[in-house]
Amino acid sequence: METKKFPYIMYWIVVSVGILSFIMPLFQEYGIITTLMMTFLCGLFSWVIAMGLGKRKYMYLSALLLVSPWLFLLSRNLLN
């Protein structure tokens, strides 16, 4: 009994975990390294799920999640 909603639910769970990983630098000493790894992996897995779904908007969101830790680091360095 397979439903078609399961890939969408998995996609949004992975994207949510990737976005929530930006909270880690506030609580851990080496949080930025954890954030880079978590966000990159979540972006990669969500991109694979989006490719399977064939949704172009989801692929764009996943690509943005892939580059977001690097944009975060760049903005942090430019503001300091």
PDB file of N, CA and C in Angstrom:
ATOM      1  N   MET A   1       0.835  -1.172   0.000  1.00  0.00           N
ATOM      2  CA  MET A   1       0.000   0.000   0.000  1.00  0.00           C
ATOM      3  C   MET A   1       0.894   1.254   0.000  1.00  0.00           C
ATOM      4  N   GLU A   2       1.298   1.645  -1.165  1.00  0.00           N
ATOM      5  CA  GLU A   2       2.201   2.780  -1.289  1.00  0.00           C
ATOM      6  C   GLU A   2       1.412   4.018  -1.728  1.00  0.00           C
ATOM      7  N   THR A   3       1.667   5.111  -1.058  1.00  0.00           N
ATOM      8  CA  THR A   3       0.984   6.345  -1.424  1.00  0.00           C
ATOM      9  C   THR A   3       1.947   7.251  -2.159  1.00  0.00           C
ATOM     10  N   LYS A   4       1.407   8.217  -2.882  1.00  0.00           N
ATOM     11  CA  LYS A   4       2.240   9.146  -3.625  1.00  0.00           C
ATOM     12  C   LYS A   4       2.664  10.336  -2.780  1.00  0.00           C
ATOM     13  N   LYS A   5       2.173  10.434  -1.562  1.00  0.00           N
ATOM     14  CA  LYS A   5       2.532  11.550  -0.691  1.00  0.00           C
ATOM     15  C   LYS A   5       3.847  11.308   0.045  1.00  0.00           C
ATOM     16  N   PHE A   6       4.286  10.072   0.151  1.00  0.00           N
ATOM     17  CA  PHE A   6       5.472   9.749   0.917  1.00  0.00           C
ATOM     18  C   PHE A   6       6.729  10.483   0.424  1.00  0.00           C
ATOM     19  N   PRO A   7       7.029  10.533  -0.892  1.00  0.00           N
ATOM     20  CA  PRO A   7       8.218  11.283  -1.326  1.00  0.00           C
ATOM     21  C   PRO A   7       8.147  12.771  -0.977  1.00  0.00           C
ATOM     22  N   TYR A   8       6.964  13.350  -1.043  1.00  0.00           N
ATOM     23  CA  TYR A   8       6.816  14.762  -0.690  1.00  0.00           C
ATOM     24  C   TYR A   8       7.067  14.986   0.801  1.00  0.00           C
ATOM     25  N   ILE A   9       6.564  14.070   1.623  1.00  0.00           N
ATOM     26  CA  ILE A   9       6.782  14.177   3.062  1.00  0.00           C
ATOM     27  C   ILE A   9       8.268  14.027   3.374  1.00  0.00           C
ATOM     28  N   MET A  10       8.932  13.061   2.742  1.00  0.00           N
ATOM     29  CA  MET A  10      10.369  12.871   2.954  1.00  0.00           C
ATOM     30  C   MET A  10      11.147  14.099   2.487  1.00  0.00           C
ATOM     31  N   TYR A  11      10.748  14.679   1.370  1.00  0.00           N
ATOM     32  CA  TYR A  11      11.437  15.864   0.856  1.00  0.00           C
ATOM     33  C   TYR A  11      11.360  17.003   1.862  1.00  0.00           C
ATOM     34  N   TRP A  12      10.174  17.279   2.363  1.00  0.00           N
ATOM     35  CA  TRP A  12      10.025  18.403   3.296  1.00  0.00           C
ATOM     36  C   TRP A  12      10.664  18.135   4.647  1.00  0.00           C
ATOM     37  N   ILE A  13      10.746  16.889   5.069  1.00  0.00           N
ATOM     38  CA  ILE A  13      11.463  16.561   6.306  1.00  0.00           C
ATOM     39  C   ILE A  13      12.954  16.828   6.133  1.00  0.00           C
ATOM     40  N   VAL A  14      13.518  16.384   5.011  1.00  0.00           N
ATOM     41  CA  VAL A  14      14.946  16.589   4.764  1.00  0.00           C
ATOM     42  C   VAL A  14      15.262  18.076   4.636  1.00  0.00           C
ATOM     43  N   VAL A  15      14.433  18.839   3.932  1.00  0.00           N
ATOM     44  CA  VAL A  15      14.651  20.278   3.789  1.00  0.00           C
ATOM     45  C   VAL A  15      14.535  20.971   5.147  1.00  0.00           C
ATOM     46  N   SER A  16      13.578  20.565   5.959  1.00  0.00           N
ATOM     47  CA  SER A  16      13.414  21.171   7.285  1.00  0.00           C
ATOM     48  C   SER A  16      14.620  20.913   8.179  1.00  0.00           C
ATOM     49  N   VAL A  17      15.144  19.712   8.129  1.00  0.00           N
ATOM     50  CA  VAL A  17      16.340  19.401   8.919  1.00  0.00           C
ATOM     51  C   VAL A  17      17.519  20.233   8.435  1.00  0.00           C
ATOM     52  N   GLY A  18      17.635  20.412   7.124  1.00  0.00           N
ATOM     53  CA  GLY A  18      18.706  21.244   6.579  1.00  0.00           C
ATOM     54  C   GLY A  18      18.598  22.690   7.011  1.00  0.00           C
ATOM     55  N   ILE A  19      17.408  23.217   7.037  1.00  0.00           N
ATOM     56  CA  ILE A  19      17.214  24.609   7.464  1.00  0.00           C
ATOM     57  C   ILE A  19      17.439  24.742   8.969  1.00  0.00           C
ATOM     58  N   LEU A  20      16.969  23.774   9.730  1.00  0.00           N
ATOM     59  CA  LEU A  20      17.140  23.822  11.185  1.00  0.00           C
ATOM     60  C   LEU A  20      18.590  23.623  11.620  1.00  0.00           C
ATOM     61  N   SER A  21      19.428  23.116  10.721  1.00  0.00           N
ATOM     62  CA  SER A  21      20.833  22.920  11.095  1.00  0.00           C
ATOM     63  C   SER A  21      21.564  24.246  11.270  1.00  0.00           C
ATOM     64  N   PHE A  22      20.977  25.356  10.816  1.00  0.00           N
ATOM     65  CA  PHE A  22      21.592  26.665  11.024  1.00  0.00           C
ATOM     66  C   PHE A  22      21.527  27.106  12.482  1.00  0.00           C
ATOM     67  N   ILE A  23      20.758  26.418  13.316  1.00  0.00           N
ATOM     68  CA  ILE A  23      20.678  26.750  14.730  1.00  0.00           C
ATOM     69  C   ILE A  23      21.897  26.202  15.478  1.00  0.00           C
ATOM     70  N   MET A  24      22.546  25.168  14.959  1.00  0.00           N
ATOM     71  CA  MET A  24      23.654  24.507  15.644  1.00  0.00           C
ATOM     72  C   MET A  24      24.838  25.417  15.974  1.00  0.00           C
ATOM     73  N   PRO A  25      25.231  26.389  15.132  1.00  0.00           N
ATOM     74  CA  PRO A  25      26.382  27.226  15.515  1.00  0.00           C
ATOM     75  C   PRO A  25      26.155  28.010  16.808  1.00  0.00           C
ATOM     76  N   LEU A  26      24.927  28.214  17.182  1.00  0.00           N
ATOM     77  CA  LEU A  26      24.645  28.953  18.411  1.00  0.00           C
ATOM     78  C   LEU A  26      24.876  28.115  19.658  1.00  0.00           C
ATOM     79  N   PHE A  27      24.793  26.788  19.535  1.00  0.00           N
ATOM     80  CA  PHE A  27      24.860  25.926  20.708  1.00  0.00           C
ATOM     81  C   PHE A  27      26.158  25.148  20.850  1.00  0.00           C
ATOM     82  N   GLN A  28      26.940  25.018  19.779  1.00  0.00           N
ATOM     83  CA  GLN A  28      28.152  24.211  19.824  1.00  0.00           C
ATOM     84  C   GLN A  28      29.364  25.052  19.457  1.00  0.00           C
ATOM     85  N   GLU A  29      30.515  24.623  19.955  1.00  0.00           N
ATOM     86  CA  GLU A  29      31.743  25.348  19.653  1.00  0.00           C
ATOM     87  C   GLU A  29      32.133  25.174  18.180  1.00  0.00           C
ATOM     88  N   TYR A  30      32.015  23.979  17.683  1.00  0.00           N
ATOM     89  CA  TYR A  30      32.340  23.710  16.280  1.00  0.00           C
ATOM     90  C   TYR A  30      31.070  23.583  15.453  1.00  0.00           C
ATOM     91  N   GLY A  31      30.115  24.407  15.721  1.00  0.00           N
ATOM     92  CA  GLY A  31      28.814  24.315  15.072  1.00  0.00           C
ATOM     93  C   GLY A  31      28.822  24.624  13.602  1.00  0.00           C
ATOM     94  N   ILE A  32      29.738  25.490  13.143  1.00  0.00           N
ATOM     95  CA  ILE A  32      29.725  25.854  11.730  1.00  0.00           C
ATOM     96  C   ILE A  32      30.129  24.668  10.859  1.00  0.00           C
ATOM     97  N   ILE A  33      31.018  23.815  11.380  1.00  0.00           N
ATOM     98  CA  ILE A  33      31.411  22.622  10.628  1.00  0.00           C
ATOM     99  C   ILE A  33      30.235  21.658  10.543  1.00  0.00           C
ATOM    100  N   THR A  34      29.533  21.499  11.640  1.00  0.00           N
ATOM    101  CA  THR A  34      28.342  20.645  11.652  1.00  0.00           C
ATOM    102  C   THR A  34      27.278  21.199  10.722  1.00  0.00           C
ATOM    103  N   THR A  35      27.117  22.511  10.718  1.00  0.00           N
ATOM    104  CA  THR A  35      26.133  23.142   9.842  1.00  0.00           C
ATOM    105  C   THR A  35      26.480  22.919   8.379  1.00  0.00           C
ATOM    106  N   LEU A  36      27.749  23.076   8.037  1.00  0.00           N
ATOM    107  CA  LEU A  36      28.161  22.858   6.649  1.00  0.00           C
ATOM    108  C   LEU A  36      27.865  21.438   6.189  1.00  0.00           C
ATOM    109  N   MET A  37      28.220  20.473   7.025  1.00  0.00           N
ATOM    110  CA  MET A  37      28.002  19.074   6.648  1.00  0.00           C
ATOM    111  C   MET A  37      26.518  18.727   6.594  1.00  0.00           C
ATOM    112  N   MET A  38      25.775  19.113   7.625  1.00  0.00           N
ATOM    113  CA  MET A  38      24.344  18.774   7.671  1.00  0.00           C
ATOM    114  C   MET A  38      23.573  19.418   6.531  1.00  0.00           C
ATOM    115  N   THR A  39      23.822  20.690   6.298  1.00  0.00           N
ATOM    116  CA  THR A  39      23.076  21.400   5.265  1.00  0.00           C
ATOM    117  C   THR A  39      23.433  20.882   3.883  1.00  0.00           C
ATOM    118  N   PHE A  40      24.708  20.598   3.650  1.00  0.00           N
ATOM    119  CA  PHE A  40      25.115  20.068   2.356  1.00  0.00           C
ATOM    120  C   PHE A  40      24.495  18.700   2.109  1.00  0.00           C
ATOM    121  N   LEU A  41      24.542  17.817   3.110  1.00  0.00           N
ATOM    122  CA  LEU A  41      23.953  16.486   2.942  1.00  0.00           C
ATOM    123  C   LEU A  41      22.437  16.554   2.756  1.00  0.00           C
ATOM    124  N   CYS A  42      21.779  17.411   3.520  1.00  0.00           N
ATOM    125  CA  CYS A  42      20.323  17.556   3.372  1.00  0.00           C
ATOM    126  C   CYS A  42      19.975  18.128   1.999  1.00  0.00           C
ATOM    127  N   GLY A  43      20.767  19.079   1.538  1.00  0.00           N
ATOM    128  CA  GLY A  43      20.541  19.637   0.210  1.00  0.00           C
ATOM    129  C   GLY A  43      20.746  18.604  -0.875  1.00  0.00           C
ATOM    130  N   LEU A  44      21.762  17.768  -0.715  1.00  0.00           N
ATOM    131  CA  LEU A  44      22.032  16.721  -1.697  1.00  0.00           C
ATOM    132  C   LEU A  44      20.913  15.688  -1.736  1.00  0.00           C
ATOM    133  N   PHE A  45      20.492  15.223  -0.556  1.00  0.00           N
ATOM    134  CA  PHE A  45      19.417  14.228  -0.507  1.00  0.00           C
ATOM    135  C   PHE A  45      18.083  14.801  -0.990  1.00  0.00           C
ATOM    136  N   SER A  46      17.813  16.047  -0.645  1.00  0.00           N
ATOM    137  CA  SER A  46      16.558  16.646  -1.120  1.00  0.00           C
ATOM    138  C   SER A  46      16.599  16.864  -2.624  1.00  0.00           C
ATOM    139  N   TRP A  47      17.783  17.135  -3.170  1.00  0.00           N
ATOM    140  CA  TRP A  47      17.904  17.288  -4.627  1.00  0.00           C
ATOM    141  C   TRP A  47      17.636  15.960  -5.329  1.00  0.00           C
ATOM    142  N   VAL A  48      18.126  14.864  -4.746  1.00  0.00           N
ATOM    143  CA  VAL A  48      17.876  13.534  -5.315  1.00  0.00           C
ATOM    144  C   VAL A  48      16.381  13.213  -5.279  1.00  0.00           C
ATOM    145  N   ILE A  49      15.727  13.515  -4.171  1.00  0.00           N
ATOM    146  CA  ILE A  49      14.282  13.273  -4.067  1.00  0.00           C
ATOM    147  C   ILE A  49      13.528  14.144  -5.067  1.00  0.00           C
ATOM    148  N   ALA A  50      13.949  15.403  -5.214  1.00  0.00           N
ATOM    149  CA  ALA A  50      13.287  16.301  -6.167  1.00  0.00           C
ATOM    150  C   ALA A  50      13.477  15.820  -7.598  1.00  0.00           C
ATOM    151  N   MET A  51      14.649  15.264  -7.894  1.00  0.00           N
ATOM    152  CA  MET A  51      14.872  14.700  -9.230  1.00  0.00           C
ATOM    153  C   MET A  51      13.927  13.525  -9.475  1.00  0.00           C
ATOM    154  N   GLY A  52      13.745  12.706  -8.446  1.00  0.00           N
ATOM    155  CA  GLY A  52      12.826  11.576  -8.564  1.00  0.00           C
ATOM    156  C   GLY A  52      11.389  12.024  -8.748  1.00  0.00           C
ATOM    157  N   LEU A  53      11.031  13.120  -8.095  1.00  0.00           N
ATOM    158  CA  LEU A  53       9.671  13.650  -8.227  1.00  0.00           C
ATOM    159  C   LEU A  53       9.474  14.378  -9.552  1.00  0.00           C
ATOM    160  N   GLY A  54      10.560  14.911 -10.086  1.00  0.00           N
ATOM    161  CA  GLY A  54      10.474  15.652 -11.342  1.00  0.00           C
ATOM    162  C   GLY A  54       9.929  17.059 -11.175  1.00  0.00           C
ATOM    163  N   LYS A  55      10.061  17.617  -9.995  1.00  0.00           N
ATOM    164  CA  LYS A  55       9.560  18.967  -9.720  1.00  0.00           C
ATOM    165  C   LYS A  55      10.708  19.969  -9.805  1.00  0.00           C
ATOM    166  N   ARG A  56      10.628  20.876 -10.764  1.00  0.00           N
ATOM    167  CA  ARG A  56      11.701  21.844 -10.987  1.00  0.00           C
ATOM    168  C   ARG A  56      11.826  22.838  -9.823  1.00  0.00           C
ATOM    169  N   LYS A  57      10.714  23.270  -9.250  1.00  0.00           N
ATOM    170  CA  LYS A  57      10.769  24.211  -8.121  1.00  0.00           C
ATOM    171  C   LYS A  57      11.456  23.590  -6.917  1.00  0.00           C
ATOM    172  N   TYR A  58      11.221  22.312  -6.676  1.00  0.00           N
ATOM    173  CA  TYR A  58      11.870  21.621  -5.576  1.00  0.00           C
ATOM    174  C   TYR A  58      13.367  21.477  -5.837  1.00  0.00           C
ATOM    175  N   MET A  59      13.732  21.297  -7.098  1.00  0.00           N
ATOM    176  CA  MET A  59      15.154  21.217  -7.438  1.00  0.00           C
ATOM    177  C   MET A  59      15.847  22.552  -7.169  1.00  0.00           C
ATOM    178  N   TYR A  60      15.181  23.651  -7.473  1.00  0.00           N
ATOM    179  CA  TYR A  60      15.752  24.969  -7.199  1.00  0.00           C
ATOM    180  C   TYR A  60      15.913  25.193  -5.698  1.00  0.00           C
ATOM    181  N   LEU A  61      14.914  24.796  -4.936  1.00  0.00           N
ATOM    182  CA  LEU A  61      14.985  24.936  -3.484  1.00  0.00           C
ATOM    183  C   LEU A  61      16.115  24.079  -2.912  1.00  0.00           C
ATOM    184  N   SER A  62      16.303  22.892  -3.459  1.00  0.00           N
ATOM    185  CA  SER A  62      17.378  22.021  -3.001  1.00  0.00           C
ATOM    186  C   SER A  62      18.744  22.597  -3.365  1.00  0.00           C
ATOM    187  N   ALA A  63      18.865  23.181  -4.545  1.00  0.00           N
ATOM    188  CA  ALA A  63      20.129  23.812  -4.947  1.00  0.00           C
ATOM    189  C   ALA A  63      20.436  24.995  -4.038  1.00  0.00           C
ATOM    190  N   LEU A  64      19.427  25.741  -3.671  1.00  0.00           N
ATOM    191  CA  LEU A  64      19.630  26.850  -2.739  1.00  0.00           C
ATOM    192  C   LEU A  64      20.072  26.340  -1.371  1.00  0.00           C
ATOM    193  N   LEU A  65      19.529  25.219  -0.959  1.00  0.00           N
ATOM    194  CA  LEU A  65      19.945  24.611   0.303  1.00  0.00           C
ATOM    195  C   LEU A  65      21.383  24.108   0.217  1.00  0.00           C
ATOM    196  N   LEU A  66      21.809  23.661  -0.966  1.00  0.00           N
ATOM    197  CA  LEU A  66      23.189  23.210  -1.144  1.00  0.00           C
ATOM    198  C   LEU A  66      24.194  24.347  -0.978  1.00  0.00           C
ATOM    199  N   VAL A  67      23.879  25.526  -1.494  1.00  0.00           N
ATOM    200  CA  VAL A  67      24.828  26.649  -1.433  1.00  0.00           C
ATOM    201  C   VAL A  67      24.607  27.543  -0.217  1.00  0.00           C
ATOM    202  N   SER A  68      23.555  27.334   0.533  1.00  0.00           N
ATOM    203  CA  SER A  68      23.256  28.223   1.651  1.00  0.00           C
ATOM    204  C   SER A  68      24.319  28.247   2.743  1.00  0.00           C
ATOM    205  N   PRO A  69      24.989  27.137   3.084  1.00  0.00           N
ATOM    206  CA  PRO A  69      26.021  27.271   4.121  1.00  0.00           C
ATOM    207  C   PRO A  69      27.183  28.142   3.665  1.00  0.00           C
ATOM    208  N   TRP A  70      27.494  28.091   2.385  1.00  0.00           N
ATOM    209  CA  TRP A  70      28.590  28.916   1.861  1.00  0.00           C
ATOM    210  C   TRP A  70      28.177  30.383   1.830  1.00  0.00           C
ATOM    211  N   LEU A  71      26.925  30.641   1.508  1.00  0.00           N
ATOM    212  CA  LEU A  71      26.427  32.017   1.563  1.00  0.00           C
ATOM    213  C   LEU A  71      26.393  32.527   3.003  1.00  0.00           C
ATOM    214  N   PHE A  72      26.066  31.650   3.925  1.00  0.00           N
ATOM    215  CA  PHE A  72      26.056  31.996   5.343  1.00  0.00           C
ATOM    216  C   PHE A  72      27.460  32.380   5.811  1.00  0.00           C
ATOM    217  N   LEU A  73      28.461  31.579   5.433  1.00  0.00           N
ATOM    218  CA  LEU A  73      29.843  31.885   5.805  1.00  0.00           C
ATOM    219  C   LEU A  73      30.316  33.191   5.175  1.00  0.00           C
ATOM    220  N   LEU A  74      29.962  33.396   3.921  1.00  0.00           N
ATOM    221  CA  LEU A  74      30.357  34.621   3.225  1.00  0.00           C
ATOM    222  C   LEU A  74      29.737  35.843   3.878  1.00  0.00           C
ATOM    223  N   SER A  75      28.467  35.761   4.216  1.00  0.00           N
ATOM    224  CA  SER A  75      27.805  36.906   4.846  1.00  0.00           C
ATOM    225  C   SER A  75      28.355  37.160   6.249  1.00  0.00           C
ATOM    226  N   ARG A  76      28.713  36.111   6.947  1.00  0.00           N
ATOM    227  CA  ARG A  76      29.273  36.253   8.281  1.00  0.00           C
ATOM    228  C   ARG A  76      30.636  36.944   8.231  1.00  0.00           C
ATOM    229  N   ASN A  77      31.448  36.589   7.228  1.00  0.00           N
ATOM    230  CA  ASN A  77      32.765  37.209   7.085  1.00  0.00           C
ATOM    231  C   ASN A  77      32.679  38.626   6.584  1.00  0.00           C
ATOM    232  N   LEU A  78      31.698  38.925   5.747  1.00  0.00           N
ATOM    233  CA  LEU A  78      31.571  40.288   5.240  1.00  0.00           C
ATOM    234  C   LEU A  78      31.042  41.248   6.297  1.00  0.00           C
ATOM    235  N   LEU A  79      30.233  40.740   7.229  1.00  0.00           N
ATOM    236  CA  LEU A  79      29.684  41.598   8.266  1.00  0.00           C
ATOM    237  C   LEU A  79      30.677  41.878   9.387  1.00  0.00           C
ATOM    238  N   ASN A  80      31.654  41.003   9.559  1.00  0.00           N
ATOM    239  CA  ASN A  80      32.641  41.219  10.634  1.00  0.00           C
ATOM    240  C   ASN A  80      33.777  42.044  10.190  1.00  0.00           C
TER     241      ASN A  80
END
